[in-house]
Amino acid sequence: MTSQHLIPPLNFGMIEEDLYRSGQPNELNFPFLEKLGLKTVVWLAPEEPNQRFLDFIDDQDIQLYHLGVVSSLNAWDPITEEVVLEASELILSPKNYPMIIMCNLGRHRTGTIVGCLRKLQRWNLTSIFEEYRRYAGPKVRVLNEQFIELFDTDLVRVPIDHPKWL
């Protein structure tokens, strides 16, 4: 019997129970992702995920939500409020769990969504930015931090059956 190594994708992290974040996985990460029993992938990059990952999602019967397609093809543009609200709606619906939020490297778009979610959880800005910077590494984008700071959480519709961590 061969022991299989479980390798998480780039910038993988647990946000809350059954809610994860990462960059785009490759084939080495598929056994790890399989163990999570994912039901939903929220994909935030403007381009499509690679074909092997799309095939994996299909094989595993995982629902893919590709958000941010219309936002911008310029990777430097911050994510739009519309995309954050759309992602929040998916994230706040427990029927979509277990769920993973992803963009190419799992840094900026994913980090901005998570930052806005943390704001909704009433984290203080210092803690939110600390988490964002941990995943962004040396590539911190001040525009993303500013977006998080100015994001109006009152725009988020919180459902009655929201996750217990909120």
C-alpha atoms as a PDB file:
ATOM      1  CA  MET A   1       0.000   0.000   0.000  1.00  0.00           C
ATOM      2  CA  THR A   2       1.437   3.374  -0.976  1.00  0.00           C
ATOM      3  CA  SER A   3       1.039   6.245   1.401  1.00  0.00           C
ATOM      4  CA  GLN A   4      -0.178   9.330  -0.361  1.00  0.00           C
ATOM      5  CA  HIS A   5       1.146  12.715   0.657  1.00  0.00           C
ATOM      6  CA  LEU A   6      -1.493  15.356   1.176  1.00  0.00           C
ATOM      7  CA  ILE A   7      -0.211  18.660  -0.159  1.00  0.00           C
ATOM      8  CA  PRO A   8      -2.349  21.763   0.345  1.00  0.00           C
ATOM      9  CA  PRO A   9      -2.564  24.338  -2.454  1.00  0.00           C
ATOM     10  CA  LEU A  10      -0.532  27.559  -2.394  1.00  0.00           C
ATOM     11  CA  ASN A  11      -1.683  29.978   0.335  1.00  0.00           C
ATOM     12  CA  PHE A  12      -4.131  27.446   1.761  1.00  0.00           C
ATOM     13  CA  GLY A  13      -5.789  28.413   5.024  1.00  0.00           C
ATOM     14  CA  MET A  14      -8.866  27.745   7.104  1.00  0.00           C
ATOM     15  CA  ILE A  15     -11.060  30.823   7.494  1.00  0.00           C
ATOM     16  CA  GLU A  16     -13.749  29.182   9.613  1.00  0.00           C
ATOM     17  CA  GLU A  17     -15.007  25.613  10.012  1.00  0.00           C
ATOM     18  CA  ASP A  18     -15.642  24.188   6.507  1.00  0.00           C
ATOM     19  CA  LEU A  19     -14.593  27.512   4.898  1.00  0.00           C
ATOM     20  CA  TYR A  20     -11.162  27.638   3.283  1.00  0.00           C
ATOM     21  CA  ARG A  21      -9.008  29.836   1.058  1.00  0.00           C
ATOM     22  CA  SER A  22      -6.165  29.165  -1.373  1.00  0.00           C
ATOM     23  CA  GLY A  23      -4.524  29.842  -4.691  1.00  0.00           C
ATOM     24  CA  GLN A  24      -5.292  27.732  -7.750  1.00  0.00           C
ATOM     25  CA  PRO A  25      -4.412  24.106  -7.026  1.00  0.00           C
ATOM     26  CA  ASN A  26      -2.492  21.707  -9.251  1.00  0.00           C
ATOM     27  CA  GLU A  27      -2.773  17.924  -9.533  1.00  0.00           C
ATOM     28  CA  LEU A  28      -0.517  17.404  -6.487  1.00  0.00           C
ATOM     29  CA  ASN A  29      -3.153  19.200  -4.374  1.00  0.00           C
ATOM     30  CA  PHE A  30      -6.197  17.241  -5.571  1.00  0.00           C
ATOM     31  CA  PRO A  31      -5.925  14.402  -2.983  1.00  0.00           C
ATOM     32  CA  PHE A  32      -5.740  17.052  -0.224  1.00  0.00           C
ATOM     33  CA  LEU A  33      -8.777  18.914  -1.589  1.00  0.00           C
ATOM     34  CA  GLU A  34     -10.674  15.628  -1.914  1.00  0.00           C
ATOM     35  CA  LYS A  35     -10.300  15.121   1.861  1.00  0.00           C
ATOM     36  CA  LEU A  36     -12.104  18.440   2.467  1.00  0.00           C
ATOM     37  CA  GLY A  37     -15.273  17.108   0.798  1.00  0.00           C
ATOM     38  CA  LEU A  38     -15.848  20.435  -0.930  1.00  0.00           C
ATOM     39  CA  LYS A  39     -19.314  21.340  -2.156  1.00  0.00           C
ATOM     40  CA  THR A  40     -18.475  24.810  -3.532  1.00  0.00           C
ATOM     41  CA  VAL A  41     -15.565  26.679  -5.132  1.00  0.00           C
ATOM     42  CA  VAL A  42     -15.776  30.470  -5.350  1.00  0.00           C
ATOM     43  CA  TRP A  43     -13.316  31.467  -8.090  1.00  0.00           C
ATOM     44  CA  LEU A  44     -12.362  35.166  -8.094  1.00  0.00           C
ATOM     45  CA  ALA A  45      -9.808  35.528 -10.902  1.00  0.00           C
ATOM     46  CA  PRO A  46     -11.026  37.068 -14.185  1.00  0.00           C
ATOM     47  CA  GLU A  47      -9.708  34.119 -16.215  1.00  0.00           C
ATOM     48  CA  GLU A  48     -11.034  30.556 -16.088  1.00  0.00           C
ATOM     49  CA  PRO A  49      -9.339  28.047 -13.773  1.00  0.00           C
ATOM     50  CA  ASN A  50      -7.022  25.655 -15.628  1.00  0.00           C
ATOM     51  CA  GLN A  51      -8.614  22.674 -17.390  1.00  0.00           C
ATOM     52  CA  ARG A  52      -7.230  20.022 -15.022  1.00  0.00           C
ATOM     53  CA  PHE A  53      -8.774  21.833 -12.061  1.00  0.00           C
ATOM     54  CA  LEU A  54     -12.065  22.242 -13.942  1.00  0.00           C
ATOM     55  CA  ASP A  55     -12.021  18.477 -14.632  1.00  0.00           C
ATOM     56  CA  PHE A  56     -11.327  17.797 -10.926  1.00  0.00           C
ATOM     57  CA  ILE A  57     -14.254  20.033  -9.887  1.00  0.00           C
ATOM     58  CA  ASP A  58     -16.472  18.223 -12.375  1.00  0.00           C
ATOM     59  CA  ASP A  59     -15.324  14.745 -11.241  1.00  0.00           C
ATOM     60  CA  GLN A  60     -15.936  15.654  -7.584  1.00  0.00           C
ATOM     61  CA  ASP A  61     -19.359  17.138  -8.336  1.00  0.00           C
ATOM     62  CA  ILE A  62     -18.327  20.501  -6.862  1.00  0.00           C
ATOM     63  CA  GLN A  63     -20.303  23.640  -7.735  1.00  0.00           C
ATOM     64  CA  LEU A  64     -18.102  26.357  -9.280  1.00  0.00           C
ATOM     65  CA  TYR A  65     -19.032  30.041  -8.990  1.00  0.00           C
ATOM     66  CA  HIS A  66     -16.818  32.170 -11.206  1.00  0.00           C
ATOM     67  CA  LEU A  67     -17.125  35.727  -9.896  1.00  0.00           C
ATOM     68  CA  GLY A  68     -15.304  38.809 -11.016  1.00  0.00           C
ATOM     69  CA  VAL A  69     -15.306  37.946 -14.715  1.00  0.00           C
ATOM     70  CA  VAL A  70     -16.679  41.354 -15.667  1.00  0.00           C
ATOM     71  CA  SER A  71     -14.776  43.281 -12.996  1.00  0.00           C
ATOM     72  CA  SER A  72     -11.543  43.834 -14.895  1.00  0.00           C
ATOM     73  CA  LEU A  73      -8.865  42.010 -16.783  1.00  0.00           C
ATOM     74  CA  ASN A  74      -6.257  44.227 -15.148  1.00  0.00           C
ATOM     75  CA  ALA A  75      -4.854  42.159 -12.285  1.00  0.00           C
ATOM     76  CA  TRP A  76      -3.956  45.367 -10.426  1.00  0.00           C
ATOM     77  CA  ASP A  77      -7.539  46.646 -10.196  1.00  0.00           C
ATOM     78  CA  PRO A  78      -9.071  46.039  -6.803  1.00  0.00           C
ATOM     79  CA  ILE A  79     -12.054  43.732  -6.627  1.00  0.00           C
ATOM     80  CA  THR A  80     -15.441  45.415  -7.027  1.00  0.00           C
ATOM     81  CA  GLU A  81     -18.061  45.932  -4.340  1.00  0.00           C
ATOM     82  CA  GLU A  82     -20.477  43.924  -6.513  1.00  0.00           C
ATOM     83  CA  VAL A  83     -18.159  40.891  -6.466  1.00  0.00           C
ATOM     84  CA  VAL A  84     -17.680  41.146  -2.688  1.00  0.00           C
ATOM     85  CA  LEU A  85     -21.448  41.231  -2.169  1.00  0.00           C
ATOM     86  CA  GLU A  86     -21.985  38.304  -4.540  1.00  0.00           C
ATOM     87  CA  ALA A  87     -19.259  36.272  -2.791  1.00  0.00           C
ATOM     88  CA  SER A  88     -20.661  37.212   0.647  1.00  0.00           C
ATOM     89  CA  GLU A  89     -24.068  35.886  -0.337  1.00  0.00           C
ATOM     90  CA  LEU A  90     -22.510  32.510  -1.225  1.00  0.00           C
ATOM     91  CA  ILE A  91     -20.268  32.468   1.868  1.00  0.00           C
ATOM     92  CA  LEU A  92     -23.137  33.279   4.243  1.00  0.00           C
ATOM     93  CA  SER A  93     -25.244  30.379   2.975  1.00  0.00           C
ATOM     94  CA  PRO A  94     -24.335  27.225   4.959  1.00  0.00           C
ATOM     95  CA  LYS A  95     -25.897  25.000   2.259  1.00  0.00           C
ATOM     96  CA  ASN A  96     -22.766  25.764   0.149  1.00  0.00           C
ATOM     97  CA  TYR A  97     -20.360  24.279   2.737  1.00  0.00           C
ATOM     98  CA  PRO A  98     -17.680  22.939   2.752  1.00  0.00           C
ATOM     99  CA  MET A  99     -16.446  25.810   0.548  1.00  0.00           C
ATOM    100  CA  ILE A 100     -13.135  27.187  -0.690  1.00  0.00           C
ATOM    101  CA  ILE A 101     -12.486  30.733  -1.932  1.00  0.00           C
ATOM    102  CA  MET A 102      -9.732  31.017  -4.550  1.00  0.00           C
ATOM    103  CA  CYS A 103      -7.927  33.238  -6.990  1.00  0.00           C
ATOM    104  CA  ASN A 104      -4.722  32.505  -8.917  1.00  0.00           C
ATOM    105  CA  LEU A 105      -2.291  32.908  -6.020  1.00  0.00           C
ATOM    106  CA  GLY A 106      -4.786  33.189  -3.151  1.00  0.00           C
ATOM    107  CA  ARG A 107      -3.434  36.606  -2.199  1.00  0.00           C
ATOM    108  CA  HIS A 108      -5.205  39.732  -3.334  1.00  0.00           C
ATOM    109  CA  ARG A 109      -8.748  39.005  -4.501  1.00  0.00           C
ATOM    110  CA  THR A 110      -9.174  36.194  -1.977  1.00  0.00           C
ATOM    111  CA  GLY A 111      -7.544  38.321   0.730  1.00  0.00           C
ATOM    112  CA  THR A 112      -9.879  41.221   0.021  1.00  0.00           C
ATOM    113  CA  ILE A 113     -12.969  38.994   0.246  1.00  0.00           C
ATOM    114  CA  VAL A 114     -11.700  37.471   3.501  1.00  0.00           C
ATOM    115  CA  GLY A 115     -10.882  40.962   4.845  1.00  0.00           C
ATOM    116  CA  CYS A 116     -14.432  42.144   4.137  1.00  0.00           C
ATOM    117  CA  LEU A 117     -15.776  38.985   5.782  1.00  0.00           C
ATOM    118  CA  ARG A 118     -13.612  39.651   8.862  1.00  0.00           C
ATOM    119  CA  LYS A 119     -15.006  43.179   8.955  1.00  0.00           C
ATOM    120  CA  LEU A 120     -18.505  41.677   8.931  1.00  0.00           C
ATOM    121  CA  GLN A 121     -17.360  39.527  11.881  1.00  0.00           C
ATOM    122  CA  ARG A 122     -16.378  42.789  13.613  1.00  0.00           C
ATOM    123  CA  TRP A 123     -12.641  42.081  13.713  1.00  0.00           C
ATOM    124  CA  ASN A 124     -10.542  45.201  14.265  1.00  0.00           C
ATOM    125  CA  LEU A 125      -8.688  46.582  11.235  1.00  0.00           C
ATOM    126  CA  THR A 126      -5.251  45.795  12.665  1.00  0.00           C
ATOM    127  CA  SER A 127      -6.130  42.076  12.867  1.00  0.00           C
ATOM    128  CA  ILE A 128      -7.752  42.123   9.418  1.00  0.00           C
ATOM    129  CA  PHE A 129      -4.678  43.715   7.812  1.00  0.00           C
ATOM    130  CA  GLU A 130      -2.346  41.361   9.690  1.00  0.00           C
ATOM    131  CA  GLU A 131      -4.190  38.382   8.165  1.00  0.00           C
ATOM    132  CA  TYR A 132      -4.264  39.987   4.694  1.00  0.00           C
ATOM    133  CA  ARG A 133      -0.512  40.711   4.845  1.00  0.00           C
ATOM    134  CA  ARG A 134       0.326  37.190   6.028  1.00  0.00           C
ATOM    135  CA  TYR A 135      -1.053  35.800   2.756  1.00  0.00           C
ATOM    136  CA  ALA A 136      -0.020  38.705   0.498  1.00  0.00           C
ATOM    137  CA  GLY A 137       3.609  38.487   1.631  1.00  0.00           C
ATOM    138  CA  PRO A 138       5.793  41.244   0.202  1.00  0.00           C
ATOM    139  CA  LYS A 139       3.136  41.995  -2.441  1.00  0.00           C
ATOM    140  CA  VAL A 140       0.708  43.912  -0.175  1.00  0.00           C
ATOM    141  CA  ARG A 141      -1.582  46.207  -2.149  1.00  0.00           C
ATOM    142  CA  VAL A 142      -2.592  49.353  -0.269  1.00  0.00           C
ATOM    143  CA  LEU A 143      -5.632  49.713  -2.565  1.00  0.00           C
ATOM    144  CA  ASN A 144      -6.982  46.394  -1.274  1.00  0.00           C
ATOM    145  CA  GLU A 145      -6.454  47.425   2.347  1.00  0.00           C
ATOM    146  CA  GLN A 146      -8.188  50.723   1.620  1.00  0.00           C
ATOM    147  CA  PHE A 147     -11.071  48.860  -0.033  1.00  0.00           C
ATOM    148  CA  ILE A 148     -11.474  46.654   3.068  1.00  0.00           C
ATOM    149  CA  GLU A 149     -11.329  49.673   5.378  1.00  0.00           C
ATOM    150  CA  LEU A 150     -13.988  51.558   3.416  1.00  0.00           C
ATOM    151  CA  PHE A 151     -16.211  48.530   2.705  1.00  0.00           C
ATOM    152  CA  ASP A 152     -19.738  49.125   4.018  1.00  0.00           C
ATOM    153  CA  THR A 153     -20.840  45.929   5.786  1.00  0.00           C
ATOM    154  CA  ASP A 154     -24.416  47.270   5.928  1.00  0.00           C
ATOM    155  CA  LEU A 155     -24.670  46.403   2.212  1.00  0.00           C
ATOM    156  CA  VAL A 156     -24.321  42.677   3.010  1.00  0.00           C
ATOM    157  CA  ARG A 157     -27.612  40.830   3.342  1.00  0.00           C
ATOM    158  CA  VAL A 158     -27.164  38.417   6.223  1.00  0.00           C
ATOM    159  CA  PRO A 159     -29.583  35.482   5.897  1.00  0.00           C
ATOM    160  CA  ILE A 160     -31.523  34.151   8.878  1.00  0.00           C
ATOM    161  CA  ASP A 161     -29.765  30.762   8.563  1.00  0.00           C
ATOM    162  CA  HIS A 162     -26.227  32.279   8.459  1.00  0.00           C
ATOM    163  CA  PRO A 163     -23.187  30.298   9.673  1.00  0.00           C
ATOM    164  CA  LYS A 164     -22.813  30.153  13.443  1.00  0.00           C
ATOM    165  CA  TRP A 165     -19.449  31.970  13.370  1.00  0.00           C
ATOM    166  CA  LEU A 166     -21.124  35.214  12.339  1.00  0.00           C
END
